[in-house]
Amino acid sequence: MINKKTVLAVIPARGGSKRCPRKNIRDFRGIPLLAWTYKAAENSSYIDRIILSTEDAEIKSSAEKIGFQVIERPADFATDTATCEDVIRHVLRSYPADWVVLLQPCSPLRTSEDIDTCIELAQHNGACISYSTAGIKNGAVFVARRDLIDRYSFSFLGSTVHYMPIYRSLDIDTEEQLAS
């Protein structure tokens, strides 16, 4: 909770990665990729609830063992063309909140401090997105007020930016990155 407003973390974990199959449940540096995200979210000072969204039974089982609360995602929201905002809106129907934090599992090196900084910065204009210090959107943390998610996509939000060091901006999309 921040400023008496609820904060929901949504972790989208689709089973259909093509370049790095099953990556969400595979180990990165000896720890399942999903567990990195759970730990960072759990250690946030502001997140009230953590929900993982998936259509995949194996991911659901693995996520529940880690400690996630899981919502089953409709097949329509598990395609290559489904957006993160579609997934968030689906989760918000069951778990309403004032603020939403999107944490993609493929960004394991983000910290709870990165999450909290984004939440704090979002208080200024309603949204915050993390970038690497090289100026590239890294996909690690997206924060927005619920009313903005209801109307826009993250790409259209005039967001505040939180710059993360390059070494924490890893966005795993290949076998080589997963093995690093």
Protein backbone atom coordinates (compact mmCIF):
# COMPACT_ATOMS: atom_id res chain seq x y z
CA MET A 1 0.00 0.00 0.00
CA ILE A 2 1.19 3.50 -0.80
CA ASN A 3 -0.65 6.67 0.20
CA LYS A 4 -3.53 4.47 1.39
CA LYS A 5 -3.89 2.97 -2.10
CA THR A 6 -3.63 -0.77 -2.84
CA VAL A 7 -0.83 -2.14 -5.01
CA LEU A 8 -1.18 -5.33 -7.05
CA ALA A 9 1.76 -7.07 -8.72
CA VAL A 10 0.87 -9.00 -11.87
CA ILE A 11 3.34 -11.53 -13.23
CA PRO A 12 2.48 -12.77 -16.74
CA ALA A 13 3.94 -16.25 -17.34
CA ARG A 14 2.84 -17.65 -20.67
CA GLY A 15 3.86 -21.16 -21.60
CA GLY A 16 4.53 -20.42 -25.25
CA SER A 17 7.99 -18.84 -25.42
CA LYS A 18 9.42 -19.74 -28.81
CA ARG A 19 13.05 -18.59 -28.58
CA CYS A 20 13.59 -20.01 -25.09
CA PRO A 21 10.98 -22.74 -24.46
CA ARG A 22 9.70 -23.19 -20.89
CA LYS A 23 11.98 -20.36 -19.72
CA ASN A 24 9.65 -19.18 -16.95
CA ILE A 25 10.11 -22.40 -14.97
CA ARG A 26 13.74 -23.06 -15.84
CA ASP A 27 16.67 -22.23 -13.60
CA PHE A 28 18.71 -19.07 -13.95
CA ARG A 29 21.86 -19.17 -11.83
CA GLY A 30 20.46 -22.12 -9.90
CA ILE A 31 17.06 -20.58 -9.08
CA PRO A 32 13.84 -20.93 -11.12
CA LEU A 33 13.24 -17.78 -13.16
CA LEU A 34 9.83 -17.27 -11.56
CA ALA A 35 11.35 -17.39 -8.06
CA TRP A 36 13.53 -14.34 -8.79
CA THR A 37 10.43 -12.28 -9.54
CA TYR A 38 8.50 -13.63 -6.57
CA LYS A 39 11.30 -12.75 -4.16
CA ALA A 40 11.63 -9.19 -5.48
CA ALA A 41 7.85 -8.64 -5.33
CA GLU A 42 7.53 -10.19 -1.89
CA ASN A 43 10.25 -7.91 -0.52
CA SER A 44 8.63 -4.74 -1.90
CA SER A 45 7.55 -2.27 0.76
CA TYR A 46 4.36 -1.44 -1.14
CA ILE A 47 2.98 -4.51 -2.92
CA ASP A 48 -0.12 -5.89 -1.20
CA ARG A 49 -0.82 -8.89 -3.42
CA ILE A 50 1.14 -10.88 -6.00
CA ILE A 51 -0.79 -12.67 -8.75
CA LEU A 52 0.72 -14.83 -11.48
CA SER A 53 -1.31 -15.20 -14.66
CA THR A 54 -0.81 -18.27 -16.84
CA GLU A 55 -2.64 -20.65 -19.16
CA ASP A 56 -0.07 -23.39 -18.58
CA ALA A 57 -0.62 -26.19 -16.03
CA GLU A 58 3.09 -26.85 -15.48
CA ILE A 59 3.83 -23.16 -14.87
CA LYS A 60 0.84 -22.98 -12.51
CA SER A 61 2.12 -25.94 -10.48
CA SER A 62 5.68 -24.56 -10.33
CA ALA A 63 4.45 -21.09 -9.40
CA GLU A 64 2.25 -22.38 -6.58
CA LYS A 65 5.22 -24.29 -5.13
CA ILE A 66 7.19 -21.03 -5.06
CA GLY A 67 4.32 -19.30 -3.24
CA PHE A 68 2.46 -17.47 -6.00
CA GLN A 69 -1.27 -17.05 -6.02
CA VAL A 70 -2.23 -18.05 -9.59
CA ILE A 71 -5.09 -17.00 -11.83
CA GLU A 72 -5.79 -19.07 -14.91
CA ARG A 73 -5.50 -16.99 -18.05
CA PRO A 74 -8.01 -17.46 -20.87
CA ALA A 75 -6.48 -18.82 -24.08
CA ASP A 76 -7.31 -15.52 -25.83
CA PHE A 77 -4.77 -13.79 -23.58
CA ALA A 78 -2.03 -16.39 -24.11
CA THR A 79 -1.37 -15.79 -27.79
CA ASP A 80 1.58 -14.07 -29.45
CA THR A 81 -0.65 -11.06 -30.07
CA ALA A 82 -2.17 -10.70 -26.58
CA THR A 83 -0.89 -7.68 -24.69
CA CYS A 84 0.26 -7.34 -21.11
CA GLU A 85 -2.54 -4.82 -20.63
CA ASP A 86 -5.06 -7.51 -21.66
CA VAL A 87 -3.60 -9.81 -19.01
CA ILE A 88 -3.63 -7.06 -16.37
CA ARG A 89 -7.24 -6.13 -17.10
CA HIS A 90 -8.19 -9.79 -16.77
CA VAL A 91 -6.45 -10.05 -13.38
CA LEU A 92 -7.97 -6.76 -12.17
CA ARG A 93 -11.48 -8.14 -12.71
CA SER A 94 -10.81 -10.68 -9.95
CA TYR A 95 -8.30 -8.70 -7.87
CA PRO A 96 -9.10 -4.98 -7.96
CA ALA A 97 -6.39 -2.53 -6.90
CA ASP A 98 -5.57 1.16 -7.17
CA TRP A 99 -2.07 0.57 -8.60
CA VAL A 100 -0.72 -2.19 -10.81
CA VAL A 101 2.90 -3.31 -11.04
CA LEU A 102 3.75 -5.49 -14.03
CA LEU A 103 6.79 -7.71 -13.37
CA GLN A 104 7.88 -9.90 -16.27
CA PRO A 105 9.67 -13.09 -15.14
CA CYS A 106 12.33 -12.69 -17.84
CA SER A 107 13.91 -9.84 -15.81
CA PRO A 108 15.38 -11.75 -12.87
CA LEU A 109 17.94 -9.19 -11.71
CA ARG A 110 15.49 -6.41 -10.84
CA THR A 111 15.38 -5.77 -7.10
CA SER A 112 12.64 -4.90 -4.66
CA GLU A 113 14.29 -1.47 -4.50
CA ASP A 114 13.77 -1.07 -8.26
CA ILE A 115 10.11 -1.96 -7.80
CA ASP A 116 9.65 0.42 -4.87
CA THR A 117 11.42 3.26 -6.68
CA CYS A 118 9.10 2.82 -9.68
CA ILE A 119 6.04 2.82 -7.42
CA GLU A 120 7.26 5.99 -5.68
CA LEU A 121 8.05 7.73 -8.98
CA ALA A 122 4.65 6.77 -10.41
CA GLN A 123 3.01 8.85 -7.69
CA HIS A 124 4.00 11.99 -9.65
CA ASN A 125 2.12 11.35 -12.89
CA GLY A 126 0.43 7.97 -12.60
CA ALA A 127 2.97 5.71 -14.28
CA CYS A 128 6.61 4.66 -14.30
CA ILE A 129 8.60 2.36 -16.58
CA SER A 130 12.10 1.01 -16.01
CA TYR A 131 14.89 1.55 -18.52
CA SER A 132 18.54 0.60 -18.55
CA THR A 133 21.05 3.40 -18.09
CA ALA A 134 21.72 2.94 -21.83
CA GLY A 135 18.25 4.41 -22.42
CA ILE A 136 16.57 1.16 -23.49
CA LYS A 137 13.25 -0.01 -22.03
CA ASN A 138 14.24 -3.15 -20.12
CA GLY A 139 10.86 -4.70 -19.33
CA ALA A 140 11.69 -5.16 -15.64
CA VAL A 141 9.08 -2.91 -13.98
CA PHE A 142 5.97 -1.15 -15.24
CA VAL A 143 3.73 0.70 -12.77
CA ALA A 144 0.46 2.47 -13.48
CA ARG A 145 -2.69 3.65 -11.77
CA ARG A 146 -5.58 1.36 -12.51
CA ASP A 147 -7.62 4.02 -14.28
CA LEU A 148 -4.76 4.52 -16.76
CA ILE A 149 -4.53 0.77 -17.44
CA ASP A 150 -8.26 0.74 -18.09
CA ARG A 151 -7.81 3.33 -20.88
CA TYR A 152 -4.29 3.04 -22.30
CA SER A 153 -1.40 0.74 -23.05
CA PHE A 154 1.97 1.27 -21.38
CA SER A 155 3.41 2.51 -24.65
CA PHE A 156 0.97 5.45 -24.65
CA LEU A 157 1.48 6.50 -21.04
CA GLY A 158 3.57 9.59 -20.45
CA SER A 159 5.59 7.76 -17.87
CA THR A 160 8.26 8.73 -15.44
CA VAL A 161 11.41 6.66 -16.03
CA HIS A 162 13.46 4.72 -13.50
CA TYR A 163 16.95 4.00 -14.80
CA MET A 164 18.44 0.68 -13.73
CA PRO A 165 22.09 -0.29 -14.14
CA ILE A 166 22.78 -2.33 -17.26
CA TYR A 167 23.81 -5.38 -15.20
CA ARG A 168 20.31 -5.48 -13.60
CA SER A 169 18.52 -4.80 -16.90
CA LEU A 170 18.83 -8.34 -18.26
CA ASP A 171 15.75 -9.36 -20.28
CA ILE A 172 16.07 -13.11 -20.92
CA ASP A 173 14.88 -14.10 -24.36
CA THR A 174 17.51 -16.64 -25.51
CA GLU A 175 19.13 -19.83 -24.31
CA GLU A 176 22.46 -18.00 -24.04
CA GLN A 177 20.99 -15.35 -21.72
CA LEU A 178 19.36 -18.02 -19.57
CA ALA A 179 22.72 -19.78 -19.22
CA SER A 180 24.65 -16.59 -18.34
